[in-house]
């Protein structure tokens, strides 16, 4: 099962409803990547990401943005060293 299959399954359980304007996106990774494990969290902190990796999870579903802005727009963080370290960890 790949990322696309997992998300499609979640959407099926949700009644296929999808908000057109949303910040819910695949921000990092690849839709075709095989899923080995799934971590679900309120906030994908560095600690949560490390624990997910240690648990064998390669898909993290998070409520809050991965980076630093509500819409995870990255133009304002391109020169931020913390952003680059977190991106490398992901």
C-alpha atoms as a PDB file:
ATOM      1  CA  UNK A   1       0.000   0.000   0.000  1.00  0.00           C
ATOM      2  CA  UNK A   2       1.406   3.400  -0.926  1.00  0.00           C
ATOM      3  CA  UNK A   3       0.747   6.900   0.438  1.00  0.00           C
ATOM      4  CA  UNK A   4      -1.967   7.521  -2.164  1.00  0.00           C
ATOM      5  CA  UNK A   5      -3.768   4.300  -1.124  1.00  0.00           C
ATOM      6  CA  UNK A   6      -3.667   5.239   2.563  1.00  0.00           C
ATOM      7  CA  UNK A   7      -5.005   8.747   1.966  1.00  0.00           C
ATOM      8  CA  UNK A   8      -7.682   7.415  -0.410  1.00  0.00           C
ATOM      9  CA  UNK A   9      -8.734   4.933   2.292  1.00  0.00           C
ATOM     10  CA  UNK A  10      -8.994   7.709   4.870  1.00  0.00           C
ATOM     11  CA  UNK A  11     -11.076   9.788   2.468  1.00  0.00           C
ATOM     12  CA  UNK A  12     -13.385   6.807   1.823  1.00  0.00           C
ATOM     13  CA  UNK A  13     -13.973   6.487   5.568  1.00  0.00           C
ATOM     14  CA  UNK A  14     -14.641  10.223   5.689  1.00  0.00           C
ATOM     15  CA  UNK A  15     -17.438   9.955   3.134  1.00  0.00           C
ATOM     16  CA  UNK A  16     -15.206  11.243   0.331  1.00  0.00           C
ATOM     17  CA  UNK A  17     -15.817  14.822   1.430  1.00  0.00           C
ATOM     18  CA  UNK A  18     -12.926  17.124   0.605  1.00  0.00           C
ATOM     19  CA  UNK A  19     -12.568  20.814   1.317  1.00  0.00           C
ATOM     20  CA  UNK A  20     -11.304  22.527  -1.828  1.00  0.00           C
ATOM     21  CA  UNK A  21      -9.307  25.247  -0.056  1.00  0.00           C
ATOM     22  CA  UNK A  22      -7.233  23.443   2.556  1.00  0.00           C
ATOM     23  CA  UNK A  23      -3.764  23.258   4.001  1.00  0.00           C
ATOM     24  CA  UNK A  24      -4.046  19.440   4.062  1.00  0.00           C
ATOM     25  CA  UNK A  25      -1.426  18.406   1.546  1.00  0.00           C
ATOM     26  CA  UNK A  26       1.431  16.001   1.074  1.00  0.00           C
ATOM     27  CA  UNK A  27       4.177  18.474   1.898  1.00  0.00           C
ATOM     28  CA  UNK A  28       7.130  16.107   1.869  1.00  0.00           C
ATOM     29  CA  UNK A  29       7.537  12.722   0.286  1.00  0.00           C
ATOM     30  CA  UNK A  30       6.065  10.862  -2.632  1.00  0.00           C
ATOM     31  CA  UNK A  31       2.505   9.665  -3.287  1.00  0.00           C
ATOM     32  CA  UNK A  32       3.835   6.369  -4.649  1.00  0.00           C
ATOM     33  CA  UNK A  33       6.090   5.599  -1.650  1.00  0.00           C
ATOM     34  CA  UNK A  34       5.201   2.258  -0.017  1.00  0.00           C
ATOM     35  CA  UNK A  35       3.926   2.844   3.530  1.00  0.00           C
ATOM     36  CA  UNK A  36       5.677   0.780   6.190  1.00  0.00           C
ATOM     37  CA  UNK A  37       4.003   2.372   9.197  1.00  0.00           C
ATOM     38  CA  UNK A  38       1.838   5.381  10.056  1.00  0.00           C
ATOM     39  CA  UNK A  39       2.237   7.834  12.924  1.00  0.00           C
ATOM     40  CA  UNK A  40      -0.588  10.241  13.751  1.00  0.00           C
ATOM     41  CA  UNK A  41       0.145  13.289  15.861  1.00  0.00           C
ATOM     42  CA  UNK A  42      -1.137  16.705  16.801  1.00  0.00           C
ATOM     43  CA  UNK A  43       2.244  18.287  16.004  1.00  0.00           C
ATOM     44  CA  UNK A  44       5.173  16.810  14.084  1.00  0.00           C
ATOM     45  CA  UNK A  45       7.926  18.026  16.377  1.00  0.00           C
ATOM     46  CA  UNK A  46      11.487  16.823  15.915  1.00  0.00           C
ATOM     47  CA  UNK A  47      10.949  14.408  18.814  1.00  0.00           C
ATOM     48  CA  UNK A  48       7.777  12.989  17.212  1.00  0.00           C
ATOM     49  CA  UNK A  49       9.528  12.581  13.854  1.00  0.00           C
ATOM     50  CA  UNK A  50      12.424  10.739  15.493  1.00  0.00           C
ATOM     51  CA  UNK A  51      10.050   8.464  17.434  1.00  0.00           C
ATOM     52  CA  UNK A  52       8.094   7.731  14.253  1.00  0.00           C
ATOM     53  CA  UNK A  53      11.287   6.761  12.450  1.00  0.00           C
ATOM     54  CA  UNK A  54      12.383   4.599  15.402  1.00  0.00           C
ATOM     55  CA  UNK A  55       8.983   2.856  15.302  1.00  0.00           C
ATOM     56  CA  UNK A  56       9.361   2.122  11.574  1.00  0.00           C
ATOM     57  CA  UNK A  57       6.799   4.688  10.421  1.00  0.00           C
ATOM     58  CA  UNK A  58       7.428   6.480   7.159  1.00  0.00           C
ATOM     59  CA  UNK A  59       4.100   8.338   6.961  1.00  0.00           C
ATOM     60  CA  UNK A  60       3.264  10.982   9.547  1.00  0.00           C
ATOM     61  CA  UNK A  61      -0.211  12.473   9.555  1.00  0.00           C
ATOM     62  CA  UNK A  62      -0.208  15.672  11.581  1.00  0.00           C
ATOM     63  CA  UNK A  63      -2.882  18.186  12.526  1.00  0.00           C
ATOM     64  CA  UNK A  64      -0.563  21.172  12.798  1.00  0.00           C
ATOM     65  CA  UNK A  65       1.715  22.382   9.996  1.00  0.00           C
ATOM     66  CA  UNK A  66       5.087  20.649   9.678  1.00  0.00           C
ATOM     67  CA  UNK A  67       7.056  23.846   9.504  1.00  0.00           C
ATOM     68  CA  UNK A  68       6.263  27.269  10.888  1.00  0.00           C
ATOM     69  CA  UNK A  69       3.248  28.809   9.206  1.00  0.00           C
ATOM     70  CA  UNK A  70      -0.440  27.962   9.173  1.00  0.00           C
ATOM     71  CA  UNK A  71      -0.465  27.120   5.483  1.00  0.00           C
ATOM     72  CA  UNK A  72       3.086  25.719   5.460  1.00  0.00           C
ATOM     73  CA  UNK A  73       4.103  28.324   2.910  1.00  0.00           C
ATOM     74  CA  UNK A  74       7.857  27.958   2.758  1.00  0.00           C
ATOM     75  CA  UNK A  75       8.999  31.154   1.050  1.00  0.00           C
ATOM     76  CA  UNK A  76       9.501  32.925   4.389  1.00  0.00           C
ATOM     77  CA  UNK A  77      11.705  30.158   5.871  1.00  0.00           C
ATOM     78  CA  UNK A  78      14.070  29.374   3.009  1.00  0.00           C
ATOM     79  CA  UNK A  79      16.995  31.006   4.842  1.00  0.00           C
ATOM     80  CA  UNK A  80      16.099  29.597   8.266  1.00  0.00           C
ATOM     81  CA  UNK A  81      18.615  26.999   9.517  1.00  0.00           C
ATOM     82  CA  UNK A  82      15.990  25.331  11.740  1.00  0.00           C
ATOM     83  CA  UNK A  83      13.771  24.759   8.694  1.00  0.00           C
ATOM     84  CA  UNK A  84      16.661  23.146   6.808  1.00  0.00           C
ATOM     85  CA  UNK A  85      17.535  20.848   9.727  1.00  0.00           C
ATOM     86  CA  UNK A  86      13.925  19.724  10.145  1.00  0.00           C
ATOM     87  CA  UNK A  87      13.532  19.193   6.384  1.00  0.00           C
ATOM     88  CA  UNK A  88      16.691  17.064   6.356  1.00  0.00           C
ATOM     89  CA  UNK A  89      15.319  14.984   9.253  1.00  0.00           C
ATOM     90  CA  UNK A  90      12.055  14.400   7.409  1.00  0.00           C
END
